[in-house]
């Protein structure tokens, strides 16, 4: 089941078109829920617990999500010339069935993502198969490698140079499942990966001269 932030991310775009409050601080969970149930289809089973961690008010993270949703909705409204009070259907509850659509506004279908780490999660094969009406694309497709490799390599080079010039050095990346520590020593990048099952130490020599391609192909 999707979490609160996912629900807010998808629904806030629709709520924008019916919101009467001038300030985000005046938008309470109950007001947000009222708009959803009254104006957005498929929200009849929505509850306060599904859109807010506190039934009385949204926290900062939740407000940021709503604010981003409103910004996106304004762009959508201007780009697609959508009038006020459009027909909106929330498809979010059905996405586990394989749908790539989260929200339908009039005849337009939208997939809404935020904090999805798109440079790590390049799937999109289902969407590409729908757009091309084929089964050409399969799981494991890296969208940037397939369609924008030169731009991907340019992004890698810029990121590499910034890491060398500005750091952080050392740097640490942690999640609930693993921890990665990295350290630059002269021209060598030393990486340490740790999880519940193993500890792996790897290094990339002449890091300042490497590009994306050999790192992808070579198990260093």
Protein backbone atom coordinates (compact mmCIF):
# COMPACT_ATOMS: atom_id res chain seq x y z
CA UNK A 1 0.00 0.00 0.00
CA UNK A 2 1.29 3.43 -0.92
CA UNK A 3 2.44 5.75 1.86
CA UNK A 4 1.20 9.18 2.92
CA UNK A 5 3.74 11.13 0.83
CA UNK A 6 2.84 9.15 -2.28
CA UNK A 7 -0.85 9.92 -1.77
CA UNK A 8 -0.11 13.62 -1.25
CA UNK A 9 2.19 13.70 -4.27
CA UNK A 10 -0.51 12.34 -6.54
CA UNK A 11 -3.56 14.06 -5.07
CA UNK A 12 -2.11 17.53 -4.49
CA UNK A 13 -1.92 18.07 -8.25
CA UNK A 14 -5.67 17.50 -8.43
CA UNK A 15 -6.49 19.46 -5.28
CA UNK A 16 -4.81 22.54 -6.79
CA UNK A 17 -7.67 23.02 -9.26
CA UNK A 18 -10.27 23.25 -6.47
CA UNK A 19 -8.29 24.93 -3.67
CA UNK A 20 -9.69 28.22 -2.38
CA UNK A 21 -7.05 28.92 0.26
CA UNK A 22 -4.41 31.54 -0.54
CA UNK A 23 -1.85 30.24 1.96
CA UNK A 24 -0.53 26.71 2.23
CA UNK A 25 -0.62 27.12 6.02
CA UNK A 26 -4.41 27.32 5.84
CA UNK A 27 -4.72 23.96 4.12
CA UNK A 28 -5.52 21.40 6.80
CA UNK A 29 -5.71 17.62 6.29
CA UNK A 30 -9.50 17.74 6.72
CA UNK A 31 -9.81 20.49 4.10
CA UNK A 32 -7.53 18.57 1.72
CA UNK A 33 -9.58 15.40 2.26
CA UNK A 34 -12.84 17.26 1.68
CA UNK A 35 -11.65 18.48 -1.71
CA UNK A 36 -10.44 15.01 -2.70
CA UNK A 37 -13.71 13.28 -1.80
CA UNK A 38 -15.89 15.99 -3.34
CA UNK A 39 -14.01 16.66 -6.57
CA UNK A 40 -11.64 13.78 -7.37
CA UNK A 41 -13.00 10.39 -8.40
CA UNK A 42 -11.83 7.22 -6.60
CA UNK A 43 -11.31 9.05 -3.30
CA UNK A 44 -14.41 7.75 -1.51
CA UNK A 45 -12.32 5.45 0.73
CA UNK A 46 -9.63 8.02 1.43
CA UNK A 47 -9.12 8.95 5.10
CA UNK A 48 -7.07 11.42 7.11
CA UNK A 49 -4.66 8.65 8.13
CA UNK A 50 -3.79 8.11 4.46
CA UNK A 51 -2.86 11.72 3.72
CA UNK A 52 -1.30 13.06 6.93
CA UNK A 53 0.72 11.84 9.90
CA UNK A 54 -1.24 14.30 12.06
CA UNK A 55 -4.98 14.71 11.52
CA UNK A 56 -4.84 18.37 12.64
CA UNK A 57 -2.04 19.71 10.45
CA UNK A 58 0.51 18.79 7.80
CA UNK A 59 4.17 18.64 8.80
CA UNK A 60 6.92 20.42 6.85
CA UNK A 61 7.68 17.48 4.57
CA UNK A 62 4.02 17.01 3.75
CA UNK A 63 3.61 20.73 3.04
CA UNK A 64 6.63 20.63 0.73
CA UNK A 65 5.03 17.76 -1.20
CA UNK A 66 1.75 19.68 -1.53
CA UNK A 67 3.58 22.84 -2.57
CA UNK A 68 5.47 20.95 -5.28
CA UNK A 69 2.20 19.39 -6.43
CA UNK A 70 0.61 22.82 -6.73
CA UNK A 71 3.57 24.11 -8.74
CA UNK A 72 3.34 21.16 -11.11
CA UNK A 73 -0.43 21.55 -11.43
CA UNK A 74 0.00 25.20 -12.41
CA UNK A 75 2.43 24.19 -15.15
CA UNK A 76 0.02 21.47 -16.32
CA UNK A 77 -2.87 23.93 -16.34
CA UNK A 78 -0.97 26.43 -18.48
CA UNK A 79 0.66 23.86 -20.77
CA UNK A 80 -2.51 21.91 -21.54
CA UNK A 81 -4.93 24.85 -21.30
CA UNK A 82 -6.98 23.15 -18.60
CA UNK A 83 -9.91 25.16 -17.29
CA UNK A 84 -10.94 25.41 -13.66
CA UNK A 85 -12.89 22.47 -12.20
CA UNK A 86 -11.64 19.81 -14.64
CA UNK A 87 -12.66 16.14 -14.52
CA UNK A 88 -10.04 14.39 -12.36
CA UNK A 89 -9.63 10.68 -11.65
CA UNK A 90 -7.14 9.34 -9.13
CA UNK A 91 -5.66 6.11 -10.46
CA UNK A 92 -3.09 5.84 -7.67
CA UNK A 93 -4.87 3.04 -5.76
CA UNK A 94 -4.76 0.88 -8.91
CA UNK A 95 -1.06 1.32 -9.77
CA UNK A 96 -0.16 -2.02 -8.20
CA UNK A 97 -2.01 -3.59 -11.12
CA UNK A 98 0.73 -2.44 -13.49
CA UNK A 99 -0.65 0.96 -14.51
CA UNK A 100 1.87 3.72 -15.19
CA UNK A 101 -0.78 6.40 -14.60
CA UNK A 102 -1.40 8.08 -11.24
CA UNK A 103 -3.80 10.88 -12.16
CA UNK A 104 -6.08 11.61 -15.12
CA UNK A 105 -7.02 15.24 -15.75
CA UNK A 106 -9.67 15.47 -18.45
CA UNK A 107 -8.15 13.38 -21.27
CA UNK A 108 -4.55 13.73 -20.08
CA UNK A 109 -2.83 10.95 -18.12
CA UNK A 110 0.02 11.69 -15.71
CA UNK A 111 2.59 9.60 -13.88
CA UNK A 112 3.76 11.57 -10.86
CA UNK A 113 7.12 10.87 -9.21
CA UNK A 114 9.25 12.59 -6.61
CA UNK A 115 12.33 11.36 -4.72
CA UNK A 116 12.33 8.36 -7.03
CA UNK A 117 16.11 8.40 -7.69
CA UNK A 118 15.62 8.31 -11.45
CA UNK A 119 19.34 8.06 -12.13
CA UNK A 120 19.29 4.73 -10.26
CA UNK A 121 15.84 3.52 -11.25
CA UNK A 122 15.72 3.60 -15.04
CA UNK A 123 12.88 1.13 -15.61
CA UNK A 124 10.25 2.93 -17.68
CA UNK A 125 10.05 -0.12 -19.92
CA UNK A 126 6.29 -0.44 -19.39
CA UNK A 127 5.72 3.19 -20.39
CA UNK A 128 7.94 2.82 -23.47
CA UNK A 129 6.07 -0.32 -24.53
CA UNK A 130 2.79 1.56 -24.21
CA UNK A 131 4.08 4.54 -26.20
CA UNK A 132 5.54 2.31 -28.94
CA UNK A 133 2.71 -0.25 -28.80
CA UNK A 134 5.26 -3.06 -28.58
CA UNK A 135 7.00 -5.48 -26.23
CA UNK A 136 10.46 -4.36 -27.33
CA UNK A 137 11.57 -3.07 -23.94
CA UNK A 138 12.13 -5.36 -20.96
CA UNK A 139 12.98 -5.01 -17.25
CA UNK A 140 16.55 -3.85 -16.69
CA UNK A 141 16.40 -1.18 -19.38
CA UNK A 142 18.57 1.82 -18.47
CA UNK A 143 16.74 4.69 -20.15
CA UNK A 144 19.69 7.10 -20.27
CA UNK A 145 22.14 4.50 -21.56
CA UNK A 146 19.66 3.58 -24.29
CA UNK A 147 18.58 7.01 -25.47
CA UNK A 148 20.94 9.65 -24.06
CA UNK A 149 24.31 8.06 -23.42
CA UNK A 150 26.40 11.10 -24.40
CA UNK A 151 24.41 13.27 -22.00
CA UNK A 152 24.74 10.63 -19.27
CA UNK A 153 28.50 10.52 -19.71
CA UNK A 154 28.62 14.33 -19.62
CA UNK A 155 26.65 14.30 -16.35
CA UNK A 156 29.08 11.73 -14.96
CA UNK A 157 32.11 13.85 -15.91
CA UNK A 158 30.68 16.99 -14.29
CA UNK A 159 29.74 15.09 -11.13
CA UNK A 160 33.17 13.45 -10.98
CA UNK A 161 34.95 16.80 -11.30
CA UNK A 162 32.77 18.41 -8.63
CA UNK A 163 33.43 15.49 -6.30
CA UNK A 164 37.17 15.88 -6.79
CA UNK A 165 37.12 19.67 -6.45
CA UNK A 166 34.52 20.28 -3.76
CA UNK A 167 33.93 16.98 -1.99
CA UNK A 168 32.63 15.91 0.35
CA UNK A 169 35.71 13.88 1.11
CA UNK A 170 35.18 11.48 2.70
CA UNK A 171 31.48 10.98 1.98
CA UNK A 172 28.94 8.58 3.46
CA UNK A 173 25.66 7.32 2.01
CA UNK A 174 23.37 5.41 4.35
CA UNK A 175 20.00 3.72 4.09
CA UNK A 176 18.10 1.25 6.22
CA UNK A 177 19.71 -1.60 4.26
CA UNK A 178 23.30 -0.55 3.61
CA UNK A 179 26.09 1.97 4.14
CA UNK A 180 28.60 3.21 1.59
CA UNK A 181 31.74 5.12 2.52
CA UNK A 182 34.01 6.74 -0.03
CA UNK A 183 37.35 8.49 0.19
CA UNK A 184 39.54 10.20 -2.38
CA UNK A 185 43.27 9.69 -1.94
CA UNK A 186 45.36 11.38 -4.59
CA UNK A 187 43.84 10.05 -7.83
CA UNK A 188 42.20 6.96 -6.35
CA UNK A 189 38.59 6.64 -5.19
CA UNK A 190 38.21 4.02 -2.46
CA UNK A 191 34.72 2.68 -1.79
CA UNK A 192 33.49 0.54 1.07
CA UNK A 193 30.08 -1.12 0.96
CA UNK A 194 28.58 -2.59 4.13
CA UNK A 195 25.27 -4.36 4.74
CA UNK A 196 23.96 -7.12 7.00
CA UNK A 197 25.53 -9.84 4.88
CA UNK A 198 28.86 -8.55 3.66
CA UNK A 199 31.53 -5.88 3.57
CA UNK A 200 33.05 -5.05 0.17
CA UNK A 201 36.05 -2.84 -0.51
CA UNK A 202 36.71 -1.58 -4.05
CA UNK A 203 38.77 1.15 -5.65
CA UNK A 204 38.89 3.14 -8.87
CA UNK A 205 42.39 4.22 -9.84
CA UNK A 206 42.95 7.41 -11.85
CA UNK A 207 39.43 8.45 -10.94
CA UNK A 208 40.02 11.93 -12.32
CA UNK A 209 40.43 10.48 -15.83
CA UNK A 210 37.71 7.82 -15.86
CA UNK A 211 34.37 8.13 -17.63
CA UNK A 212 31.02 6.42 -17.18
CA UNK A 213 31.54 3.74 -19.85
CA UNK A 214 34.49 1.77 -18.42
CA UNK A 215 33.07 1.98 -14.88
CA UNK A 216 29.81 0.48 -16.14
CA UNK A 217 31.52 -2.36 -18.00
CA UNK A 218 34.38 -3.14 -15.66
CA UNK A 219 34.00 -4.72 -12.25
CA UNK A 220 36.64 -2.75 -10.43
